[in-house]
Amino acid sequence: MDEGKTIGITGASGALGKELTKIFRQKGFKVIGFTHSKYNYEIKNDSPNELIEWQCGKEFLLIEDLKKIDILILNHGIYDMSKKNSSYENSIEINALSKFKFLTLFEEIAIKNNSPTVKEIWINTSEAEILPALNPSYEVSKSLIGQLVSFKKNLLDKNTKKKLKIKKIILGPFKSQLNPIGIMSPKFVSDNIYNFASLNIFLIIISPNPFSYILFPIKELYYFFYCKLLEKFKFSN
C-alpha cells in the first residue's frame, strides 16, 4: 500500500477502529474516521485526522466525504441481544444493509473516478457469517452482508474491477465492548489486517479457529463458480 493515501474507517471509536487508526497513522496515511458516538474530539498522533459523525440510513449524506477516500474500511457493527431487536431489524440494518449502502456508494464513486489510483473497500463480515456466535440476529446479519459482498465482488464488470478492489475481512473473537471475553487483542487483529491487506487477495482471515481457514475459502470458491454460471446463463440469453 502506498503511503499518503487517505483511509476511511467506520466504527472508528470502537476498539478495533482505534487500533486501525493508530497503525495507519503510524505508517503515514491520513485517516478519516466515521462514528455514531458523540464525544469531544482532539487530533492526536494516534487519532483520526478528521472525525465525522453519521447515522445509519443516512449514508448518502457522506458522498462528498467518501470521494476523498482511497481505501474505505467498513468496521462498524453491533451485537444486539435486547428484546427490542427480536425481529432482527436493528442488527440487519447496521451490520448488513448499512455496509452494503456504503459499498454501493463507494462503487459509484470509484466508477466515476478519473484518477489512475484504484480505490479499495475492505468489509469486516466476521466468522459469524457461517459459524455460530450465540446470537441469532448477529449471525443472520453477518451471513447477509457476507453473501452480498461475495456476490458484488464476483459480479463486478471488467471496467469496475479496474477501478475498485474489494476485500472481505473474516475475524474471530477479539476483545472489545461488544465482546469483552474475546481471545485476540484489537492490536493483534489490526496489525494482521494491515499486513495481509498488502497482499493481492480477496479474503483476509484472522482467527484462532483452524476451521475458518478451510470453510471460508471453500465458501468463496462456491460463490465464484456460481457467479460464473450466472454470467454464462445471462450471456446465453
Protein backbone atom coordinates (compact mmCIF):
# COMPACT_ATOMS: atom_id res chain seq x y z
CA MET A 1 0.00 0.00 0.00
CA ASP A 2 1.22 3.46 -0.89
CA GLU A 3 1.76 5.89 1.94
CA GLY A 4 -0.04 9.18 1.53
CA LYS A 5 -3.37 7.62 0.68
CA THR A 6 -6.48 8.57 2.63
CA ILE A 7 -8.08 5.81 4.70
CA GLY A 8 -11.71 5.90 5.82
CA ILE A 9 -12.70 3.79 8.83
CA THR A 10 -16.25 3.31 10.08
CA GLY A 11 -16.66 2.32 13.71
CA ALA A 12 -13.62 4.49 14.37
CA SER A 13 -14.43 4.97 18.06
CA GLY A 14 -14.53 1.23 18.77
CA ALA A 15 -11.63 -0.92 19.97
CA LEU A 16 -10.61 -2.18 16.53
CA GLY A 17 -11.31 1.16 14.86
CA LYS A 18 -8.91 2.89 17.22
CA GLU A 19 -6.16 0.33 16.62
CA LEU A 20 -6.62 0.51 12.85
CA THR A 21 -6.38 4.29 13.08
CA LYS A 22 -3.15 4.05 15.07
CA ILE A 23 -1.38 1.72 12.68
CA PHE A 24 -2.38 3.68 9.56
CA ARG A 25 -1.36 6.97 11.14
CA GLN A 26 1.98 5.43 12.16
CA LYS A 27 2.52 4.30 8.56
CA GLY A 28 1.98 7.81 7.23
CA PHE A 29 -1.61 7.60 5.98
CA LYS A 30 -4.29 10.21 6.50
CA VAL A 31 -7.29 8.76 8.36
CA ILE A 32 -10.90 9.91 8.24
CA GLY A 33 -12.94 8.27 10.99
CA PHE A 34 -16.71 7.74 10.86
CA THR A 35 -18.55 7.24 14.14
CA HIS A 36 -22.01 7.20 15.70
CA SER A 37 -20.58 8.27 19.06
CA LYS A 38 -20.67 11.85 20.20
CA TYR A 39 -17.67 12.88 22.24
CA ASN A 40 -15.10 15.64 22.50
CA TYR A 41 -12.58 15.08 19.73
CA GLU A 42 -8.97 16.15 19.79
CA ILE A 43 -6.50 15.47 16.97
CA LYS A 44 -3.51 13.46 18.23
CA ASN A 45 -0.81 11.38 16.57
CA ASP A 46 -2.85 8.19 17.02
CA SER A 47 -6.33 9.64 16.35
CA PRO A 48 -8.10 10.26 13.02
CA ASN A 49 -7.05 13.39 11.15
CA GLU A 50 -10.75 14.06 10.78
CA LEU A 51 -13.76 12.56 12.58
CA ILE A 52 -17.24 12.57 11.04
CA GLU A 53 -20.48 11.70 12.83
CA TRP A 54 -23.07 9.80 10.81
CA GLN A 55 -26.29 7.79 11.20
CA CYS A 56 -27.40 4.51 9.66
CA GLY A 57 -29.87 5.14 6.87
CA LYS A 58 -28.21 8.45 6.00
CA GLU A 59 -25.10 7.10 4.32
CA PHE A 60 -25.95 9.13 1.19
CA LEU A 61 -25.08 12.29 3.13
CA LEU A 62 -21.45 11.15 3.21
CA ILE A 63 -20.86 11.11 -0.55
CA GLU A 64 -18.58 14.17 -0.59
CA ASP A 65 -16.55 12.77 2.32
CA LEU A 66 -16.27 9.35 0.64
CA LYS A 67 -14.89 10.98 -2.53
CA LYS A 68 -11.76 11.95 -0.56
CA ILE A 69 -11.05 8.34 0.43
CA ASP A 70 -8.76 5.85 -1.33
CA ILE A 71 -9.33 2.87 0.98
CA LEU A 72 -12.60 2.54 2.89
CA ILE A 73 -12.71 0.05 5.79
CA LEU A 74 -16.24 -0.89 6.89
CA ASN A 75 -15.78 -1.85 10.51
CA HIS A 76 -18.97 -0.71 12.28
CA GLY A 77 -21.45 -3.15 13.79
CA ILE A 78 -23.49 -4.18 16.82
CA TYR A 79 -24.03 -7.34 18.86
CA ASP A 80 -27.61 -6.72 19.97
CA MET A 81 -29.36 -9.28 22.21
CA SER A 82 -32.09 -6.97 23.51
CA LYS A 83 -35.79 -7.81 23.27
CA LYS A 84 -36.39 -4.76 21.07
CA ASN A 85 -34.20 -6.46 18.46
CA SER A 86 -36.32 -9.63 18.46
CA SER A 87 -37.28 -9.02 14.81
CA TYR A 88 -33.57 -8.71 13.94
CA GLU A 89 -34.23 -5.38 12.20
CA ASN A 90 -31.65 -3.40 14.17
CA SER A 91 -28.85 -5.91 13.58
CA ILE A 92 -29.70 -6.33 9.89
CA GLU A 93 -29.84 -2.56 9.33
CA ILE A 94 -26.50 -1.80 11.00
CA ASN A 95 -24.44 -4.93 10.34
CA ALA A 96 -25.63 -5.64 6.80
CA LEU A 97 -27.72 -3.03 4.98
CA SER A 98 -25.68 -0.04 6.14
CA LYS A 99 -22.43 -1.65 4.99
CA PHE A 100 -23.97 -2.56 1.65
CA LYS A 101 -25.13 1.05 1.18
CA PHE A 102 -21.55 2.20 1.81
CA LEU A 103 -20.30 -0.38 -0.69
CA THR A 104 -22.78 0.75 -3.34
CA LEU A 105 -21.97 4.43 -2.84
CA PHE A 106 -18.23 3.79 -2.94
CA GLU A 107 -18.59 1.70 -6.08
CA GLU A 108 -20.39 4.56 -7.82
CA ILE A 109 -17.65 6.97 -6.74
CA ALA A 110 -14.93 4.61 -7.98
CA ILE A 111 -16.59 4.21 -11.39
CA LYS A 112 -16.67 7.98 -11.88
CA ASN A 113 -13.13 8.44 -10.56
CA ASN A 114 -10.71 9.66 -13.25
CA SER A 115 -7.61 9.14 -11.12
CA PRO A 116 -5.34 6.18 -12.02
CA THR A 117 -5.44 5.17 -8.35
CA VAL A 118 -7.60 2.10 -7.77
CA LYS A 119 -9.98 2.60 -4.87
CA GLU A 120 -10.34 -0.19 -2.32
CA ILE A 121 -13.06 -1.19 0.11
CA TRP A 122 -12.50 -3.70 2.91
CA ILE A 123 -15.58 -5.13 4.62
CA ASN A 124 -15.46 -6.76 8.05
CA THR A 125 -18.09 -9.52 7.99
CA SER A 126 -16.94 -11.83 10.84
CA GLU A 127 -16.77 -15.59 11.35
CA ALA A 128 -20.46 -15.41 12.27
CA GLU A 129 -21.08 -15.31 8.53
CA ILE A 130 -21.13 -19.12 8.66
CA LEU A 131 -20.14 -20.09 12.24
CA PRO A 132 -22.27 -19.78 15.43
CA ALA A 133 -21.92 -16.64 17.55
CA LEU A 134 -24.56 -17.41 20.21
CA ASN A 135 -26.70 -14.59 18.85
CA PRO A 136 -29.14 -15.43 16.00
CA SER A 137 -29.68 -11.80 14.94
CA TYR A 138 -25.93 -11.24 14.70
CA GLU A 139 -25.45 -14.44 12.71
CA VAL A 140 -28.28 -13.59 10.28
CA SER A 141 -26.98 -10.07 9.68
CA LYS A 142 -23.38 -11.23 9.18
CA SER A 143 -24.49 -14.01 6.85
CA LEU A 144 -26.43 -11.45 4.80
CA ILE A 145 -23.58 -8.97 4.41
CA GLY A 146 -21.20 -11.84 3.67
CA GLN A 147 -23.36 -13.05 0.80
CA LEU A 148 -23.90 -9.55 -0.54
CA VAL A 149 -20.16 -8.84 -0.60
CA SER A 150 -19.37 -12.15 -2.30
CA PHE A 151 -21.99 -11.57 -5.00
CA LYS A 152 -20.91 -7.97 -5.50
CA LYS A 153 -17.25 -8.90 -5.85
CA ASN A 154 -17.82 -11.79 -8.24
CA LEU A 155 -20.34 -9.98 -10.44
CA LEU A 156 -18.37 -6.76 -11.00
CA ASP A 157 -17.95 -5.90 -14.66
CA LYS A 158 -14.46 -5.60 -16.16
CA ASN A 159 -14.45 -1.79 -16.12
CA THR A 160 -15.40 -1.61 -12.43
CA LYS A 161 -12.78 -4.21 -11.49
CA LYS A 162 -10.13 -1.84 -12.86
CA LYS A 163 -11.36 0.95 -10.60
CA LEU A 164 -12.45 -0.83 -7.41
CA LYS A 165 -10.86 -3.61 -5.37
CA ILE A 166 -12.99 -5.43 -2.77
CA LYS A 167 -11.57 -7.31 0.22
CA LYS A 168 -13.51 -9.32 2.78
CA ILE A 169 -12.20 -9.48 6.35
CA ILE A 170 -13.15 -12.52 8.44
CA LEU A 171 -12.35 -12.02 12.13
CA GLY A 172 -12.51 -14.39 15.04
CA PRO A 173 -13.40 -13.19 18.58
CA PHE A 174 -11.35 -10.20 19.69
CA LYS A 175 -11.64 -8.19 22.89
CA SER A 176 -13.93 -5.15 22.65
CA GLN A 177 -17.03 -3.62 24.25
CA LEU A 178 -19.13 -5.93 22.11
CA ASN A 179 -17.10 -8.95 23.20
CA PRO A 180 -15.21 -8.40 26.49
CA ILE A 181 -14.08 -12.05 26.59
CA GLY A 182 -12.59 -12.05 23.08
CA ILE A 183 -9.47 -14.15 22.65
CA MET A 184 -7.46 -11.85 20.37
CA SER A 185 -6.38 -8.30 21.14
CA PRO A 186 -7.54 -5.44 18.85
CA LYS A 187 -3.88 -4.53 18.24
CA PHE A 188 -3.04 -8.07 17.10
CA VAL A 189 -6.03 -8.03 14.75
CA SER A 190 -5.28 -4.58 13.30
CA ASP A 191 -1.60 -5.44 12.72
CA ASN A 192 -2.57 -8.58 10.82
CA ILE A 193 -5.24 -6.78 8.79
CA TYR A 194 -2.62 -4.25 7.69
CA ASN A 195 -0.05 -6.94 6.82
CA PHE A 196 -2.44 -9.23 4.93
CA ALA A 197 -4.08 -6.33 3.08
CA SER A 198 -0.76 -5.66 1.36
CA LEU A 199 -1.22 -8.97 -0.45
CA ASN A 200 -3.33 -9.13 -3.58
CA ILE A 201 -6.00 -11.36 -2.04
CA PHE A 202 -9.76 -11.02 -1.57
CA LEU A 203 -10.15 -12.98 1.66
CA ILE A 204 -8.37 -11.89 4.86
CA ILE A 205 -8.88 -14.36 7.71
CA ILE A 206 -7.64 -13.69 11.25
CA SER A 207 -8.87 -16.26 13.71
CA PRO A 208 -7.72 -18.82 16.30
CA ASN A 209 -10.23 -21.26 14.78
CA PRO A 210 -8.47 -23.51 12.21
CA PHE A 211 -11.80 -24.41 10.58
CA SER A 212 -12.21 -20.81 9.39
CA TYR A 213 -9.17 -21.19 7.14
CA ILE A 214 -10.82 -24.19 5.49
CA LEU A 215 -14.53 -23.32 5.41
CA PHE A 216 -14.37 -19.74 4.16
CA PRO A 217 -12.17 -20.36 1.10
CA ILE A 218 -14.46 -23.25 0.15
CA LYS A 219 -17.49 -21.00 0.54
CA GLU A 220 -15.92 -18.26 -1.59
CA LEU A 221 -14.92 -20.78 -4.23
CA TYR A 222 -18.55 -21.91 -4.41
CA TYR A 223 -19.72 -18.31 -4.93
CA PHE A 224 -17.04 -17.77 -7.58
CA PHE A 225 -18.21 -20.71 -9.70
CA TYR A 226 -21.87 -19.94 -9.01
CA CYS A 227 -21.43 -16.37 -10.28
CA LYS A 228 -19.55 -17.60 -13.32
CA LEU A 229 -22.53 -19.83 -14.07
CA LEU A 230 -24.89 -16.87 -13.65
CA GLU A 231 -22.83 -14.78 -16.06
CA LYS A 232 -22.78 -17.57 -18.60
CA PHE A 233 -26.52 -18.13 -18.31
CA LYS A 234 -27.20 -14.42 -18.68
CA PHE A 235 -24.89 -14.22 -21.69
CA SER A 236 -26.57 -17.19 -23.37
CA ASN A 237 -29.93 -15.44 -23.10
